[in-house]
Amino acid sequence: MTLSELGFRSSLETDRKTYGWEQFDFGRVSAVHKDRYSVKTTNGDQDAELVGHLRYTAQNHRDWPVIGDWVAISPYDENKVLIQGIYPRYSMLERQSVGKQGEKQGIAANLDVAIIVQAVDRDFNLNRLDRYLTICYQANITPVLLLNKTDLIPPE
């Protein structure tokens, strides 16, 4: 897989020089499992962990990697890398954090488009749809609405 297939933008190379991360490789977070991550690289999928200073300087949920983040990585083991830094995000899909008043929790980063799937049968909910659209517009992400199960609704 190439960096361009992962969604690489030229601004990342500029950010790499700005932050002094030239010695690190690029990776893109594809899964988050509590304190472990899966990162896609030009060498395939790699298991990843945060370096200590990132873990201990995080002040809120926004300081942790989320799916879609571009990260600076260094090799650690045969199939493991260390996340040395998180590149600036150009969009962030987030929701209200559970149990923490006023704090947001990141869901995904660096998205251009979000596909919202809504069934039109018995589970159709305009309020839910409105919430999802609001989240997308606040994050400057283009929403695409996909209505499914249209074959299950009566003609009238």
N, C-alpha and C. Protein backbone atom coordinates (compact mmCIF):
# COMPACT_ATOMS: atom_id res chain seq x y z
N MET A 1 0.85 -1.17 0.00
CA MET A 1 0.00 0.00 0.00
C MET A 1 0.90 1.24 0.00
N THR A 2 0.53 2.22 -0.79
CA THR A 2 1.31 3.45 -0.86
C THR A 2 0.70 4.51 0.04
N LEU A 3 1.50 5.54 0.35
CA LEU A 3 0.99 6.64 1.17
C LEU A 3 -0.18 7.34 0.48
N SER A 4 -0.12 7.46 -0.83
CA SER A 4 -1.22 8.11 -1.54
C SER A 4 -2.51 7.30 -1.45
N GLU A 5 -2.41 5.98 -1.44
CA GLU A 5 -3.60 5.14 -1.25
C GLU A 5 -4.18 5.29 0.16
N LEU A 6 -3.35 5.69 1.11
CA LEU A 6 -3.81 5.92 2.48
C LEU A 6 -4.40 7.32 2.67
N GLY A 7 -4.29 8.18 1.63
CA GLY A 7 -4.85 9.52 1.71
C GLY A 7 -3.83 10.60 2.03
N PHE A 8 -2.56 10.34 1.75
CA PHE A 8 -1.48 11.27 2.05
C PHE A 8 -1.69 12.62 1.37
N ARG A 9 -1.44 13.69 2.11
CA ARG A 9 -1.50 15.06 1.58
C ARG A 9 -0.12 15.68 1.70
N SER A 10 0.21 16.56 0.77
CA SER A 10 1.54 17.17 0.76
C SER A 10 1.81 18.01 2.01
N SER A 11 0.76 18.52 2.65
CA SER A 11 0.94 19.32 3.86
C SER A 11 1.57 18.50 4.99
N LEU A 12 1.43 17.19 4.94
CA LEU A 12 2.04 16.34 5.96
C LEU A 12 3.56 16.39 5.90
N GLU A 13 4.10 16.49 4.70
CA GLU A 13 5.55 16.59 4.55
C GLU A 13 6.05 17.90 5.15
N THR A 14 5.30 18.98 4.96
CA THR A 14 5.64 20.27 5.57
C THR A 14 5.58 20.17 7.08
N ASP A 15 4.51 19.55 7.61
CA ASP A 15 4.37 19.38 9.06
C ASP A 15 5.52 18.53 9.61
N ARG A 16 5.93 17.54 8.86
CA ARG A 16 7.03 16.66 9.30
C ARG A 16 8.29 17.47 9.56
N LYS A 17 8.58 18.41 8.65
CA LYS A 17 9.77 19.26 8.81
C LYS A 17 9.57 20.26 9.95
N THR A 18 8.37 20.81 10.06
CA THR A 18 8.07 21.78 11.11
C THR A 18 8.28 21.19 12.49
N TYR A 19 7.85 19.95 12.69
CA TYR A 19 7.95 19.30 14.00
C TYR A 19 9.28 18.58 14.21
N GLY A 20 10.12 18.54 13.19
CA GLY A 20 11.42 17.87 13.33
C GLY A 20 11.29 16.36 13.38
N TRP A 21 10.32 15.82 12.65
CA TRP A 21 10.07 14.37 12.66
C TRP A 21 10.59 13.67 11.41
N GLU A 22 11.61 14.23 10.77
CA GLU A 22 12.12 13.65 9.53
C GLU A 22 12.62 12.22 9.71
N GLN A 23 13.08 11.88 10.92
CA GLN A 23 13.61 10.54 11.15
C GLN A 23 12.52 9.49 11.33
N PHE A 24 11.26 9.91 11.44
CA PHE A 24 10.16 8.98 11.66
C PHE A 24 9.41 8.71 10.35
N ASP A 25 8.79 7.54 10.29
CA ASP A 25 7.97 7.18 9.14
C ASP A 25 6.54 7.68 9.35
N PHE A 26 5.76 7.68 8.27
CA PHE A 26 4.35 8.02 8.33
C PHE A 26 3.52 6.78 8.57
N GLY A 27 2.44 6.92 9.30
CA GLY A 27 1.46 5.86 9.48
C GLY A 27 0.09 6.48 9.66
N ARG A 28 -0.94 5.70 9.43
CA ARG A 28 -2.31 6.18 9.60
C ARG A 28 -3.06 5.21 10.49
N VAL A 29 -3.64 5.73 11.56
CA VAL A 29 -4.34 4.90 12.54
C VAL A 29 -5.58 4.30 11.89
N SER A 30 -5.72 2.97 11.97
CA SER A 30 -6.87 2.30 11.38
C SER A 30 -7.77 1.65 12.43
N ALA A 31 -7.28 1.51 13.66
CA ALA A 31 -8.10 0.93 14.74
C ALA A 31 -7.52 1.37 16.09
N VAL A 32 -8.43 1.52 17.05
CA VAL A 32 -8.03 1.89 18.41
C VAL A 32 -8.58 0.85 19.37
N HIS A 33 -7.70 0.29 20.19
CA HIS A 33 -8.08 -0.72 21.18
C HIS A 33 -7.55 -0.30 22.54
N LYS A 34 -8.28 0.57 23.21
CA LYS A 34 -7.89 1.11 24.52
C LYS A 34 -6.53 1.78 24.44
N ASP A 35 -5.45 1.11 24.81
CA ASP A 35 -4.13 1.74 24.77
C ASP A 35 -3.23 1.16 23.68
N ARG A 36 -3.83 0.39 22.77
CA ARG A 36 -3.11 -0.16 21.61
C ARG A 36 -3.76 0.36 20.34
N TYR A 37 -2.98 0.40 19.28
CA TYR A 37 -3.46 0.94 18.01
C TYR A 37 -3.03 0.03 16.87
N SER A 38 -3.78 0.07 15.79
CA SER A 38 -3.36 -0.53 14.53
C SER A 38 -3.06 0.62 13.58
N VAL A 39 -1.90 0.55 12.94
CA VAL A 39 -1.46 1.63 12.06
C VAL A 39 -1.15 1.05 10.69
N LYS A 40 -1.70 1.66 9.66
CA LYS A 40 -1.40 1.25 8.29
C LYS A 40 -0.17 2.02 7.82
N THR A 41 0.75 1.28 7.23
CA THR A 41 1.98 1.88 6.71
C THR A 41 2.25 1.32 5.32
N THR A 42 3.29 1.80 4.70
CA THR A 42 3.68 1.25 3.40
C THR A 42 4.16 -0.19 3.52
N ASN A 43 4.46 -0.62 4.75
CA ASN A 43 4.88 -2.01 5.01
C ASN A 43 3.74 -2.88 5.52
N GLY A 44 2.50 -2.39 5.43
CA GLY A 44 1.36 -3.17 5.89
C GLY A 44 0.87 -2.68 7.25
N ASP A 45 0.00 -3.47 7.86
CA ASP A 45 -0.56 -3.13 9.16
C ASP A 45 0.45 -3.42 10.26
N GLN A 46 0.54 -2.50 11.21
CA GLN A 46 1.47 -2.65 12.33
C GLN A 46 0.71 -2.42 13.64
N ASP A 47 1.03 -3.19 14.67
CA ASP A 47 0.55 -2.90 16.01
C ASP A 47 1.37 -1.72 16.52
N ALA A 48 0.71 -0.85 17.31
CA ALA A 48 1.40 0.35 17.78
C ALA A 48 1.02 0.70 19.21
N GLU A 49 1.94 1.38 19.87
CA GLU A 49 1.70 1.93 21.20
C GLU A 49 2.23 3.35 21.21
N LEU A 50 1.71 4.16 22.14
CA LEU A 50 2.19 5.52 22.30
C LEU A 50 3.49 5.52 23.08
N VAL A 51 4.39 6.44 22.74
CA VAL A 51 5.57 6.64 23.57
C VAL A 51 5.12 7.30 24.87
N GLY A 52 5.92 7.17 25.90
CA GLY A 52 5.55 7.64 27.22
C GLY A 52 5.17 9.10 27.31
N HIS A 53 5.93 10.00 26.65
CA HIS A 53 5.63 11.42 26.79
C HIS A 53 4.27 11.79 26.21
N LEU A 54 3.83 11.10 25.16
CA LEU A 54 2.48 11.36 24.62
C LEU A 54 1.40 10.88 25.58
N ARG A 55 1.64 9.75 26.17
CA ARG A 55 0.67 9.17 27.10
C ARG A 55 0.51 10.04 28.34
N TYR A 56 1.61 10.54 28.85
CA TYR A 56 1.55 11.27 30.13
C TYR A 56 1.30 12.76 29.99
N THR A 57 1.42 13.31 28.79
CA THR A 57 1.12 14.73 28.60
C THR A 57 -0.28 14.97 28.06
N ALA A 58 -1.01 13.91 27.75
CA ALA A 58 -2.38 14.05 27.23
C ALA A 58 -3.26 14.67 28.31
N GLN A 59 -3.93 15.77 27.95
CA GLN A 59 -4.78 16.47 28.91
C GLN A 59 -6.25 16.11 28.76
N ASN A 60 -6.65 15.68 27.56
CA ASN A 60 -8.03 15.26 27.34
C ASN A 60 -8.08 14.29 26.16
N HIS A 61 -9.29 13.87 25.81
CA HIS A 61 -9.46 12.87 24.74
C HIS A 61 -8.91 13.33 23.39
N ARG A 62 -8.90 14.62 23.15
CA ARG A 62 -8.41 15.12 21.86
C ARG A 62 -6.91 14.91 21.67
N ASP A 63 -6.20 14.67 22.75
CA ASP A 63 -4.75 14.47 22.67
C ASP A 63 -4.36 13.03 22.34
N TRP A 64 -5.32 12.14 22.24
CA TRP A 64 -5.06 10.73 21.93
C TRP A 64 -5.33 10.48 20.45
N PRO A 65 -4.60 9.56 19.83
CA PRO A 65 -4.87 9.23 18.43
C PRO A 65 -6.26 8.62 18.26
N VAL A 66 -6.88 8.93 17.14
CA VAL A 66 -8.17 8.33 16.77
C VAL A 66 -8.03 7.77 15.36
N ILE A 67 -9.00 7.01 14.94
CA ILE A 67 -9.00 6.44 13.60
C ILE A 67 -8.90 7.57 12.58
N GLY A 68 -8.00 7.40 11.62
CA GLY A 68 -7.81 8.41 10.57
C GLY A 68 -6.64 9.35 10.83
N ASP A 69 -6.13 9.37 12.05
CA ASP A 69 -4.99 10.25 12.36
C ASP A 69 -3.74 9.81 11.61
N TRP A 70 -2.98 10.78 11.14
CA TRP A 70 -1.64 10.54 10.62
C TRP A 70 -0.69 10.65 11.80
N VAL A 71 0.20 9.69 11.93
CA VAL A 71 1.12 9.66 13.07
C VAL A 71 2.55 9.47 12.60
N ALA A 72 3.48 10.00 13.41
CA ALA A 72 4.91 9.77 13.19
C ALA A 72 5.26 8.51 13.97
N ILE A 73 5.88 7.54 13.30
CA ILE A 73 6.14 6.25 13.94
C ILE A 73 7.61 5.86 13.80
N SER A 74 8.05 5.05 14.74
CA SER A 74 9.39 4.48 14.66
C SER A 74 9.28 2.98 14.94
N PRO A 75 10.14 2.17 14.31
CA PRO A 75 10.08 0.72 14.53
C PRO A 75 10.45 0.38 15.97
N TYR A 76 9.79 -0.63 16.49
CA TYR A 76 10.07 -1.06 17.86
C TYR A 76 10.41 -2.54 17.91
N ASP A 77 9.62 -3.32 17.21
CA ASP A 77 9.81 -4.76 17.18
C ASP A 77 9.50 -5.20 15.75
N GLU A 78 9.50 -6.48 15.50
CA GLU A 78 9.27 -6.97 14.13
C GLU A 78 7.95 -6.47 13.55
N ASN A 79 6.85 -6.58 14.28
CA ASN A 79 5.55 -6.12 13.80
C ASN A 79 4.95 -5.06 14.71
N LYS A 80 5.81 -4.27 15.34
CA LYS A 80 5.32 -3.26 16.27
C LYS A 80 6.04 -1.95 16.04
N VAL A 81 5.29 -0.84 16.18
CA VAL A 81 5.88 0.48 16.05
C VAL A 81 5.46 1.33 17.25
N LEU A 82 6.21 2.40 17.47
CA LEU A 82 5.88 3.36 18.52
C LEU A 82 5.37 4.64 17.87
N ILE A 83 4.28 5.16 18.37
CA ILE A 83 3.74 6.43 17.87
C ILE A 83 4.48 7.54 18.61
N GLN A 84 5.24 8.32 17.83
CA GLN A 84 6.06 9.39 18.40
C GLN A 84 5.32 10.73 18.42
N GLY A 85 4.32 10.91 17.55
CA GLY A 85 3.59 12.16 17.48
C GLY A 85 2.38 12.04 16.59
N ILE A 86 1.45 12.98 16.75
CA ILE A 86 0.23 13.02 15.94
C ILE A 86 0.28 14.27 15.09
N TYR A 87 0.13 14.11 13.78
CA TYR A 87 0.13 15.26 12.88
C TYR A 87 -1.16 16.06 13.05
N PRO A 88 -1.13 17.36 12.74
CA PRO A 88 -2.33 18.19 12.87
C PRO A 88 -3.48 17.62 12.04
N ARG A 89 -4.68 17.70 12.60
CA ARG A 89 -5.89 17.20 11.93
C ARG A 89 -6.55 18.31 11.13
N TYR A 90 -7.11 17.97 9.98
CA TYR A 90 -7.87 18.98 9.24
C TYR A 90 -9.37 18.83 9.46
N SER A 91 -9.79 17.73 10.06
CA SER A 91 -11.19 17.59 10.49
C SER A 91 -11.22 16.58 11.63
N MET A 92 -12.25 16.71 12.47
CA MET A 92 -12.36 15.82 13.63
C MET A 92 -13.83 15.54 13.89
N LEU A 93 -14.23 14.29 13.75
CA LEU A 93 -15.58 13.86 14.07
C LEU A 93 -15.57 13.47 15.54
N GLU A 94 -16.39 14.17 16.35
CA GLU A 94 -16.37 13.90 17.78
C GLU A 94 -17.78 13.96 18.34
N ARG A 95 -17.93 13.37 19.53
CA ARG A 95 -19.21 13.34 20.22
C ARG A 95 -18.99 13.74 21.67
N GLN A 96 -20.10 13.96 22.37
CA GLN A 96 -20.02 14.27 23.79
C GLN A 96 -19.43 13.06 24.52
N SER A 97 -18.45 13.31 25.35
CA SER A 97 -17.80 12.24 26.10
C SER A 97 -18.76 11.69 27.16
N VAL A 98 -18.78 10.39 27.30
CA VAL A 98 -19.67 9.74 28.26
C VAL A 98 -19.20 10.03 29.68
N GLY A 99 -20.09 10.58 30.49
CA GLY A 99 -19.81 10.80 31.90
C GLY A 99 -18.92 12.00 32.21
N LYS A 100 -18.54 12.78 31.21
CA LYS A 100 -17.68 13.94 31.46
C LYS A 100 -18.32 15.17 30.84
N GLN A 101 -18.89 16.01 31.68
CA GLN A 101 -19.62 17.20 31.25
C GLN A 101 -18.72 18.13 30.43
N GLY A 102 -19.18 18.47 29.23
CA GLY A 102 -18.48 19.44 28.39
C GLY A 102 -17.26 18.93 27.66
N GLU A 103 -16.88 17.68 27.87
CA GLU A 103 -15.69 17.15 27.19
C GLU A 103 -16.12 16.36 25.96
N LYS A 104 -15.35 16.50 24.89
CA LYS A 104 -15.63 15.79 23.65
C LYS A 104 -14.72 14.57 23.51
N GLN A 105 -15.24 13.55 22.84
CA GLN A 105 -14.48 12.33 22.57
C GLN A 105 -14.32 12.19 21.06
N GLY A 106 -13.09 12.02 20.61
CA GLY A 106 -12.83 11.86 19.18
C GLY A 106 -13.29 10.51 18.68
N ILE A 107 -13.91 10.52 17.51
CA ILE A 107 -14.36 9.28 16.87
C ILE A 107 -13.45 8.96 15.69
N ALA A 108 -13.23 9.97 14.84
CA ALA A 108 -12.38 9.80 13.66
C ALA A 108 -11.85 11.16 13.23
N ALA A 109 -10.70 11.14 12.57
CA ALA A 109 -10.06 12.38 12.14
C ALA A 109 -9.73 12.34 10.65
N ASN A 110 -9.53 13.53 10.10
CA ASN A 110 -9.08 13.70 8.72
C ASN A 110 -10.03 13.08 7.70
N LEU A 111 -11.31 13.33 7.91
CA LEU A 111 -12.34 12.84 7.00
C LEU A 111 -12.78 13.94 6.05
N ASP A 112 -13.06 13.57 4.81
CA ASP A 112 -13.65 14.50 3.85
C ASP A 112 -15.15 14.29 3.77
N VAL A 113 -15.56 13.02 3.84
CA VAL A 113 -16.97 12.65 3.67
C VAL A 113 -17.36 11.64 4.73
N ALA A 114 -18.59 11.78 5.24
CA ALA A 114 -19.15 10.78 6.16
C ALA A 114 -20.44 10.26 5.54
N ILE A 115 -20.56 8.95 5.44
CA ILE A 115 -21.77 8.34 4.89
C ILE A 115 -22.66 7.95 6.05
N ILE A 116 -23.84 8.56 6.09
CA ILE A 116 -24.81 8.30 7.16
C ILE A 116 -25.85 7.35 6.60
N VAL A 117 -25.93 6.16 7.17
CA VAL A 117 -26.88 5.14 6.71
C VAL A 117 -28.08 5.16 7.65
N GLN A 118 -29.26 5.33 7.07
CA GLN A 118 -30.49 5.39 7.86
C GLN A 118 -31.52 4.47 7.20
N ALA A 119 -32.05 3.54 7.97
CA ALA A 119 -33.11 2.66 7.47
C ALA A 119 -34.43 3.44 7.46
N VAL A 120 -35.22 3.26 6.43
CA VAL A 120 -36.49 3.99 6.34
C VAL A 120 -37.67 3.18 6.86
N ASP A 121 -37.42 1.98 7.33
CA ASP A 121 -38.53 1.18 7.87
C ASP A 121 -38.80 1.61 9.31
N ARG A 122 -39.12 0.75 10.19
CA ARG A 122 -39.58 1.06 11.54
C ARG A 122 -38.56 1.80 12.40
N ASP A 123 -37.28 1.81 12.04
CA ASP A 123 -36.24 2.42 12.87
C ASP A 123 -35.87 3.84 12.42
N PHE A 124 -36.59 4.40 11.45
CA PHE A 124 -36.26 5.74 10.95
C PHE A 124 -36.47 6.76 12.06
N ASN A 125 -35.48 7.66 12.24
CA ASN A 125 -35.54 8.63 13.32
C ASN A 125 -34.96 9.95 12.84
N LEU A 126 -35.82 10.96 12.67
CA LEU A 126 -35.37 12.26 12.20
C LEU A 126 -34.44 12.96 13.19
N ASN A 127 -34.70 12.80 14.48
CA ASN A 127 -33.84 13.43 15.48
C ASN A 127 -32.42 12.88 15.43
N ARG A 128 -32.29 11.57 15.26
CA ARG A 128 -30.96 10.95 15.15
C ARG A 128 -30.26 11.47 13.89
N LEU A 129 -31.00 11.50 12.80
CA LEU A 129 -30.44 12.00 11.55
C LEU A 129 -29.97 13.45 11.71
N ASP A 130 -30.76 14.26 12.38
CA ASP A 130 -30.39 15.65 12.62
C ASP A 130 -29.11 15.75 13.45
N ARG A 131 -28.97 14.92 14.48
CA ARG A 131 -27.75 14.91 15.30
C ARG A 131 -26.53 14.55 14.46
N TYR A 132 -26.65 13.51 13.63
CA TYR A 132 -25.53 13.09 12.80
C TYR A 132 -25.13 14.18 11.81
N LEU A 133 -26.12 14.81 11.19
CA LEU A 133 -25.83 15.89 10.24
C LEU A 133 -25.16 17.07 10.95
N THR A 134 -25.62 17.39 12.14
CA THR A 134 -25.03 18.49 12.91
C THR A 134 -23.58 18.20 13.24
N ILE A 135 -23.29 16.98 13.68
CA ILE A 135 -21.92 16.58 13.99
C ILE A 135 -21.03 16.74 12.76
N CYS A 136 -21.52 16.33 11.61
CA CYS A 136 -20.74 16.43 10.37
C CYS A 136 -20.49 17.89 10.00
N TYR A 137 -21.53 18.72 10.04
CA TYR A 137 -21.36 20.12 9.67
C TYR A 137 -20.44 20.86 10.63
N GLN A 138 -20.50 20.55 11.92
CA GLN A 138 -19.61 21.17 12.90
C GLN A 138 -18.15 20.82 12.63
N ALA A 139 -17.91 19.63 12.10
CA ALA A 139 -16.55 19.16 11.83
C ALA A 139 -16.09 19.50 10.42
N ASN A 140 -16.93 20.20 9.65
CA ASN A 140 -16.61 20.54 8.27
C ASN A 140 -16.39 19.30 7.41
N ILE A 141 -17.23 18.29 7.65
CA ILE A 141 -17.19 17.03 6.90
C ILE A 141 -18.47 16.97 6.06
N THR A 142 -18.34 16.64 4.79
CA THR A 142 -19.49 16.56 3.91
C THR A 142 -20.30 15.30 4.22
N PRO A 143 -21.56 15.45 4.64
CA PRO A 143 -22.37 14.26 4.90
C PRO A 143 -23.03 13.75 3.61
N VAL A 144 -23.10 12.45 3.48
CA VAL A 144 -23.84 11.80 2.39
C VAL A 144 -24.86 10.89 3.07
N LEU A 145 -26.12 11.09 2.75
CA LEU A 145 -27.18 10.31 3.38
C LEU A 145 -27.54 9.14 2.48
N LEU A 146 -27.50 7.95 3.06
CA LEU A 146 -27.85 6.72 2.34
C LEU A 146 -29.06 6.12 3.03
N LEU A 147 -30.20 6.14 2.35
CA LEU A 147 -31.42 5.55 2.89
C LEU A 147 -31.54 4.13 2.37
N ASN A 148 -31.67 3.19 3.30
CA ASN A 148 -31.80 1.80 2.88
C ASN A 148 -33.09 1.18 3.40
N LYS A 149 -33.35 -0.04 3.01
CA LYS A 149 -34.56 -0.81 3.35
C LYS A 149 -35.83 -0.17 2.78
N THR A 150 -35.68 0.53 1.65
CA THR A 150 -36.85 1.15 1.02
C THR A 150 -37.81 0.08 0.49
N ASP A 151 -37.34 -1.12 0.24
CA ASP A 151 -38.18 -2.19 -0.25
C ASP A 151 -39.12 -2.73 0.85
N LEU A 152 -38.87 -2.37 2.11
CA LEU A 152 -39.67 -2.89 3.22
C LEU A 152 -40.82 -1.97 3.63
N ILE A 153 -40.88 -0.78 3.06
CA ILE A 153 -41.97 0.11 3.44
C ILE A 153 -43.17 -0.08 2.51
N PRO A 154 -44.38 0.05 3.05
CA PRO A 154 -45.57 -0.13 2.21
C PRO A 154 -45.69 1.02 1.19
N PRO A 155 -46.30 0.76 0.06
CA PRO A 155 -46.42 1.77 -1.00
C PRO A 155 -47.15 3.05 -0.57
N GLU A 156 -48.11 2.92 0.31
CA GLU A 156 -48.87 4.10 0.71
C GLU A 156 -48.04 4.97 1.64
